[in-house]
């Protein structure tokens, strides 16, 4: 995982804990999780939009030929 092992992850977690405090960790984790979910959702909807557009274009071309 990007060359980061367990000791490095623990050090990063300790630094985050010192900077933000234990009370804000759930807020930060929730915000990061929500951001990742929104990114994935937007990425998936972008794929669907492209597919729908291409299907409409194909239908229009087929109708013009007929």
Protein backbone atom coordinates (compact mmCIF):
# COMPACT_ATOMS: atom_id res chain seq x y z
CA UNK A 1 0.00 0.00 0.00
CA UNK A 2 2.20 2.81 -1.32
CA UNK A 3 5.13 1.43 0.64
CA UNK A 4 3.53 2.41 3.96
CA UNK A 5 3.66 -0.25 6.64
CA UNK A 6 1.95 -0.61 9.98
CA UNK A 7 4.54 1.43 11.92
CA UNK A 8 4.19 4.37 9.53
CA UNK A 9 0.39 4.25 9.74
CA UNK A 10 0.55 4.24 13.54
CA UNK A 11 2.86 7.28 13.52
CA UNK A 12 0.49 9.14 11.16
CA UNK A 13 -2.48 8.24 13.37
CA UNK A 14 -0.60 9.46 16.46
CA UNK A 15 0.23 12.79 14.78
CA UNK A 16 -3.40 13.26 13.70
CA UNK A 17 -4.54 12.40 17.22
CA UNK A 18 -2.18 15.00 18.71
CA UNK A 19 -3.17 17.71 16.22
CA UNK A 20 -6.94 17.27 16.23
CA UNK A 21 -7.60 15.53 19.53
CA UNK A 22 -9.59 12.39 20.23
CA UNK A 23 -12.95 14.17 20.27
CA UNK A 24 -12.70 15.33 16.63
CA UNK A 25 -11.48 12.03 15.14
CA UNK A 26 -15.01 10.69 14.48
CA UNK A 27 -15.92 13.95 12.69
CA UNK A 28 -12.80 13.78 10.54
CA UNK A 29 -13.34 10.11 9.71
CA UNK A 30 -16.96 10.75 8.83
CA UNK A 31 -16.03 13.66 6.59
CA UNK A 32 -13.37 11.66 4.77
CA UNK A 33 -15.75 8.72 4.30
CA UNK A 34 -18.50 10.99 2.99
CA UNK A 35 -16.08 12.63 0.58
CA UNK A 36 -14.94 9.27 -0.78
CA UNK A 37 -18.57 8.14 -1.17
CA UNK A 38 -19.49 11.33 -3.04
CA UNK A 39 -16.47 10.97 -5.31
CA UNK A 40 -17.37 7.37 -6.18
CA UNK A 41 -21.01 8.31 -6.71
CA UNK A 42 -20.05 11.17 -9.03
CA UNK A 43 -17.65 8.93 -10.94
CA UNK A 44 -20.32 6.27 -11.44
CA UNK A 45 -22.94 8.79 -12.53
CA UNK A 46 -20.44 10.26 -15.01
CA UNK A 47 -20.08 6.82 -16.62
CA UNK A 48 -23.86 6.44 -16.87
CA UNK A 49 -24.20 9.89 -18.40
CA UNK A 50 -21.68 9.05 -21.10
CA UNK A 51 -23.41 5.74 -21.88
CA UNK A 52 -26.87 7.34 -22.04
CA UNK A 53 -25.63 10.09 -24.32
CA UNK A 54 -24.01 7.64 -26.70
CA UNK A 55 -27.19 5.50 -26.80
CA UNK A 56 -29.28 8.57 -27.66
CA UNK A 57 -26.89 9.52 -30.42
CA UNK A 58 -27.05 6.01 -31.88
CA UNK A 59 -30.84 6.06 -31.81
CA UNK A 60 -30.91 9.45 -33.57
CA UNK A 61 -28.53 8.22 -36.27
CA UNK A 62 -30.60 5.07 -36.81
CA UNK A 63 -33.78 7.13 -37.11
CA UNK A 64 -32.18 9.47 -39.64
CA UNK A 65 -31.08 6.52 -41.78
CA UNK A 66 -34.58 5.01 -41.79
